[in-house]
């Protein structure tokens, strides 16, 4: 049974993600080949740009308030924030 404080990672087949806020579940987010994501250190929340993970299992994201800083993250490093408004 999943604890309420333990958010469920995104699924590889999840859709409808564009514009949604997501919680970053790892301390050092990476892309599909384990390169560090171009995001501010310690970032906890990102905005998802893509509607669904691509064939490489990544999603384009950006920090809230900075849509010019786009990074790739592996889908299972993210969990949707249901209680937060879209950005």
N, C-alpha and C. Protein backbone atom coordinates (compact mmCIF):
# COMPACT_ATOMS: atom_id res chain seq x y z
N UNK A 1 0.83 -1.18 0.00
CA UNK A 1 0.00 0.00 0.00
C UNK A 1 0.88 1.25 0.00
N UNK A 2 0.58 2.21 -0.87
CA UNK A 2 1.39 3.41 -1.03
C UNK A 2 1.05 4.42 0.06
N UNK A 3 2.08 4.96 0.69
CA UNK A 3 1.91 5.99 1.71
C UNK A 3 1.46 7.29 1.03
N UNK A 4 0.64 8.07 1.69
CA UNK A 4 0.15 9.33 1.13
C UNK A 4 1.28 10.31 0.81
N UNK A 5 2.40 10.21 1.52
CA UNK A 5 3.53 11.10 1.28
C UNK A 5 4.44 10.61 0.16
N UNK A 6 4.17 9.42 -0.38
CA UNK A 6 5.01 8.80 -1.40
C UNK A 6 4.28 8.87 -2.74
N UNK A 7 4.53 9.93 -3.56
CA UNK A 7 3.79 10.08 -4.81
C UNK A 7 4.15 8.99 -5.83
N UNK A 8 3.18 8.63 -6.65
CA UNK A 8 3.39 7.62 -7.68
C UNK A 8 4.08 8.24 -8.89
N UNK A 9 5.18 7.64 -9.36
CA UNK A 9 5.84 8.14 -10.57
C UNK A 9 4.90 8.04 -11.77
N UNK A 10 5.16 8.87 -12.77
CA UNK A 10 4.40 8.79 -14.01
C UNK A 10 4.59 7.42 -14.65
N UNK A 11 3.62 7.00 -15.44
CA UNK A 11 3.71 5.75 -16.19
C UNK A 11 4.26 6.04 -17.59
N UNK A 12 4.88 5.06 -18.23
CA UNK A 12 5.44 5.25 -19.57
C UNK A 12 4.35 5.50 -20.61
N UNK A 13 3.12 5.05 -20.34
CA UNK A 13 2.03 5.21 -21.30
C UNK A 13 1.04 6.31 -20.90
N UNK A 14 1.43 7.15 -19.95
CA UNK A 14 0.54 8.20 -19.47
C UNK A 14 0.45 9.33 -20.50
N UNK A 15 -0.76 9.85 -20.70
CA UNK A 15 -0.98 10.94 -21.64
C UNK A 15 -1.68 12.10 -20.93
N UNK A 16 -1.87 13.19 -21.65
CA UNK A 16 -2.54 14.35 -21.07
C UNK A 16 -1.67 15.12 -20.11
N UNK A 17 -0.37 15.13 -20.35
CA UNK A 17 0.56 15.74 -19.40
C UNK A 17 0.92 17.18 -19.71
N UNK A 18 0.71 17.62 -20.94
CA UNK A 18 1.13 18.96 -21.37
C UNK A 18 0.56 20.04 -20.45
N UNK A 19 1.46 20.90 -19.93
CA UNK A 19 1.05 22.01 -19.09
C UNK A 19 0.85 21.67 -17.63
N UNK A 20 1.01 20.42 -17.26
CA UNK A 20 0.79 20.01 -15.87
C UNK A 20 2.04 20.23 -15.03
N UNK A 21 1.85 20.52 -13.76
CA UNK A 21 2.96 20.61 -12.81
C UNK A 21 3.32 19.21 -12.34
N UNK A 22 4.62 18.97 -12.19
CA UNK A 22 5.08 17.67 -11.71
C UNK A 22 6.14 17.87 -10.64
N UNK A 23 6.12 16.99 -9.68
CA UNK A 23 7.12 16.97 -8.61
C UNK A 23 8.31 16.15 -9.10
N UNK A 24 9.52 16.66 -8.88
CA UNK A 24 10.73 15.93 -9.23
C UNK A 24 11.03 14.98 -8.07
N UNK A 25 11.13 13.68 -8.37
CA UNK A 25 11.26 12.65 -7.33
C UNK A 25 12.70 12.29 -6.99
N UNK A 26 13.66 12.81 -7.73
CA UNK A 26 15.06 12.45 -7.51
C UNK A 26 15.88 13.69 -7.18
N UNK A 27 16.98 13.50 -6.50
CA UNK A 27 17.84 14.62 -6.12
C UNK A 27 18.58 15.20 -7.31
N UNK A 28 18.96 14.33 -8.27
CA UNK A 28 19.70 14.77 -9.45
C UNK A 28 19.01 14.26 -10.70
N UNK A 29 18.05 15.01 -11.25
CA UNK A 29 17.31 14.57 -12.43
C UNK A 29 18.23 14.42 -13.64
N UNK A 30 17.91 13.39 -14.46
CA UNK A 30 18.73 13.08 -15.64
C UNK A 30 17.85 12.77 -16.85
N UNK A 31 18.51 12.74 -18.01
CA UNK A 31 17.82 12.32 -19.23
C UNK A 31 18.00 10.81 -19.41
N UNK A 32 17.63 10.29 -20.58
CA UNK A 32 17.64 8.84 -20.80
C UNK A 32 19.03 8.20 -20.80
N UNK A 33 20.09 8.98 -20.97
CA UNK A 33 21.44 8.42 -20.91
C UNK A 33 22.19 8.88 -19.67
N UNK A 34 21.44 9.27 -18.66
CA UNK A 34 21.96 9.68 -17.36
C UNK A 34 22.78 10.96 -17.38
N UNK A 35 22.59 11.80 -18.39
CA UNK A 35 23.20 13.13 -18.36
C UNK A 35 22.38 14.00 -17.43
N UNK A 36 23.02 14.83 -16.62
CA UNK A 36 22.28 15.72 -15.73
C UNK A 36 21.36 16.66 -16.52
N UNK A 37 20.17 16.86 -16.03
CA UNK A 37 19.22 17.75 -16.67
C UNK A 37 19.66 19.20 -16.46
N UNK A 38 19.39 20.03 -17.45
CA UNK A 38 19.72 21.46 -17.36
C UNK A 38 18.63 22.18 -16.58
N UNK A 39 18.63 21.95 -15.27
CA UNK A 39 17.66 22.55 -14.37
C UNK A 39 18.39 23.12 -13.16
N UNK A 40 17.79 24.09 -12.48
CA UNK A 40 18.43 24.63 -11.27
C UNK A 40 18.65 23.53 -10.22
N UNK A 41 19.75 23.61 -9.52
CA UNK A 41 20.04 22.65 -8.45
C UNK A 41 18.94 22.68 -7.42
N UNK A 42 18.52 21.51 -6.98
CA UNK A 42 17.51 21.40 -5.94
C UNK A 42 16.08 21.64 -6.39
N UNK A 43 15.85 21.72 -7.67
CA UNK A 43 14.49 21.99 -8.17
C UNK A 43 13.55 20.88 -7.72
N UNK A 44 12.35 21.26 -7.30
CA UNK A 44 11.37 20.30 -6.80
C UNK A 44 10.14 20.19 -7.69
N UNK A 45 9.89 21.21 -8.50
CA UNK A 45 8.69 21.24 -9.34
C UNK A 45 9.05 21.70 -10.74
N UNK A 46 8.45 21.07 -11.75
CA UNK A 46 8.64 21.46 -13.14
C UNK A 46 7.28 21.49 -13.84
N UNK A 47 7.24 22.15 -14.99
CA UNK A 47 6.07 22.15 -15.85
C UNK A 47 6.38 21.23 -17.02
N UNK A 48 5.47 20.30 -17.32
CA UNK A 48 5.66 19.36 -18.42
C UNK A 48 5.24 20.01 -19.73
N UNK A 49 6.08 19.91 -20.74
CA UNK A 49 5.81 20.48 -22.05
C UNK A 49 5.11 19.47 -22.96
N UNK A 50 5.53 18.21 -22.91
CA UNK A 50 5.00 17.17 -23.80
C UNK A 50 3.71 16.57 -23.25
N UNK A 51 2.90 16.04 -24.15
CA UNK A 51 1.65 15.40 -23.75
C UNK A 51 1.87 14.00 -23.20
N UNK A 52 2.94 13.34 -23.65
CA UNK A 52 3.26 11.97 -23.22
C UNK A 52 4.75 11.73 -23.37
N UNK A 53 5.31 10.73 -22.68
CA UNK A 53 6.73 10.40 -22.85
C UNK A 53 7.03 10.01 -24.30
N UNK A 54 8.21 10.37 -24.78
CA UNK A 54 8.61 10.02 -26.14
C UNK A 54 9.17 8.59 -26.17
N UNK A 55 9.55 8.06 -27.33
CA UNK A 55 10.07 6.70 -27.40
C UNK A 55 11.34 6.46 -26.57
N UNK A 56 12.03 7.53 -26.20
CA UNK A 56 13.23 7.41 -25.35
C UNK A 56 12.88 7.49 -23.87
N UNK A 57 11.57 7.53 -23.57
CA UNK A 57 11.05 7.58 -22.19
C UNK A 57 11.35 8.88 -21.47
N UNK A 58 11.50 9.96 -22.23
CA UNK A 58 11.73 11.26 -21.61
C UNK A 58 10.59 12.21 -21.91
N UNK A 59 10.54 13.26 -21.11
CA UNK A 59 9.60 14.36 -21.28
C UNK A 59 10.38 15.67 -21.27
N UNK A 60 9.96 16.62 -22.10
CA UNK A 60 10.54 17.96 -22.01
C UNK A 60 9.82 18.69 -20.89
N UNK A 61 10.58 19.37 -20.05
CA UNK A 61 10.05 20.11 -18.92
C UNK A 61 10.77 21.45 -18.80
N UNK A 62 10.20 22.36 -18.01
CA UNK A 62 10.88 23.61 -17.68
C UNK A 62 10.52 24.01 -16.26
N UNK A 63 11.37 24.82 -15.63
CA UNK A 63 11.05 25.32 -14.29
C UNK A 63 9.83 26.23 -14.37
N UNK A 64 8.98 26.26 -13.34
CA UNK A 64 7.86 27.20 -13.33
C UNK A 64 8.37 28.63 -13.47
N UNK A 65 7.77 29.38 -14.36
CA UNK A 65 8.17 30.78 -14.54
C UNK A 65 9.34 30.97 -15.47
N UNK A 66 9.93 29.91 -16.02
CA UNK A 66 11.08 30.03 -16.93
C UNK A 66 10.93 29.06 -18.10
N UNK A 67 9.98 29.34 -19.02
CA UNK A 67 9.75 28.43 -20.14
C UNK A 67 10.89 28.37 -21.15
N UNK A 68 11.89 29.24 -21.02
CA UNK A 68 13.02 29.19 -21.95
C UNK A 68 14.07 28.16 -21.54
N UNK A 69 14.00 27.65 -20.32
CA UNK A 69 14.99 26.69 -19.83
C UNK A 69 14.40 25.28 -19.91
N UNK A 70 14.49 24.68 -21.08
CA UNK A 70 13.89 23.36 -21.34
C UNK A 70 14.92 22.27 -21.07
N UNK A 71 14.46 21.21 -20.42
CA UNK A 71 15.32 20.06 -20.12
C UNK A 71 14.56 18.77 -20.39
N UNK A 72 15.29 17.70 -20.61
CA UNK A 72 14.71 16.37 -20.76
C UNK A 72 14.86 15.61 -19.45
N UNK A 73 13.77 14.97 -19.02
CA UNK A 73 13.80 14.13 -17.83
C UNK A 73 13.16 12.79 -18.15
N UNK A 74 13.68 11.73 -17.56
CA UNK A 74 13.06 10.42 -17.68
C UNK A 74 11.72 10.45 -16.95
N UNK A 75 10.68 9.89 -17.56
CA UNK A 75 9.31 10.00 -17.04
C UNK A 75 9.16 9.55 -15.59
N UNK A 76 9.88 8.48 -15.18
CA UNK A 76 9.66 7.95 -13.84
C UNK A 76 10.38 8.73 -12.74
N UNK A 77 10.99 9.86 -13.12
CA UNK A 77 11.57 10.78 -12.13
C UNK A 77 10.57 11.86 -11.73
N UNK A 78 9.33 11.75 -12.27
CA UNK A 78 8.31 12.76 -12.05
C UNK A 78 7.02 12.16 -11.52
N UNK A 79 6.29 12.94 -10.74
CA UNK A 79 4.94 12.57 -10.28
C UNK A 79 4.07 13.81 -10.43
N UNK A 80 2.84 13.63 -10.91
CA UNK A 80 1.94 14.76 -11.06
C UNK A 80 1.59 15.38 -9.72
N UNK A 81 1.47 16.68 -9.71
CA UNK A 81 1.02 17.41 -8.53
C UNK A 81 -0.45 17.71 -8.73
N UNK A 82 -1.30 16.92 -8.15
CA UNK A 82 -2.74 17.06 -8.33
C UNK A 82 -3.29 18.30 -7.66
N UNK A 83 -2.65 18.76 -6.58
CA UNK A 83 -3.19 19.87 -5.81
C UNK A 83 -2.72 21.24 -6.28
N UNK A 84 -1.86 21.28 -7.30
CA UNK A 84 -1.31 22.55 -7.75
C UNK A 84 -1.96 22.98 -9.06
N UNK A 85 -2.19 24.27 -9.25
CA UNK A 85 -2.76 24.75 -10.51
C UNK A 85 -1.76 24.62 -11.64
N UNK A 86 -2.27 24.57 -12.87
CA UNK A 86 -1.39 24.53 -14.03
C UNK A 86 -0.67 25.85 -14.18
N UNK A 87 0.55 25.81 -14.74
CA UNK A 87 1.34 27.02 -14.93
C UNK A 87 1.52 27.24 -16.41
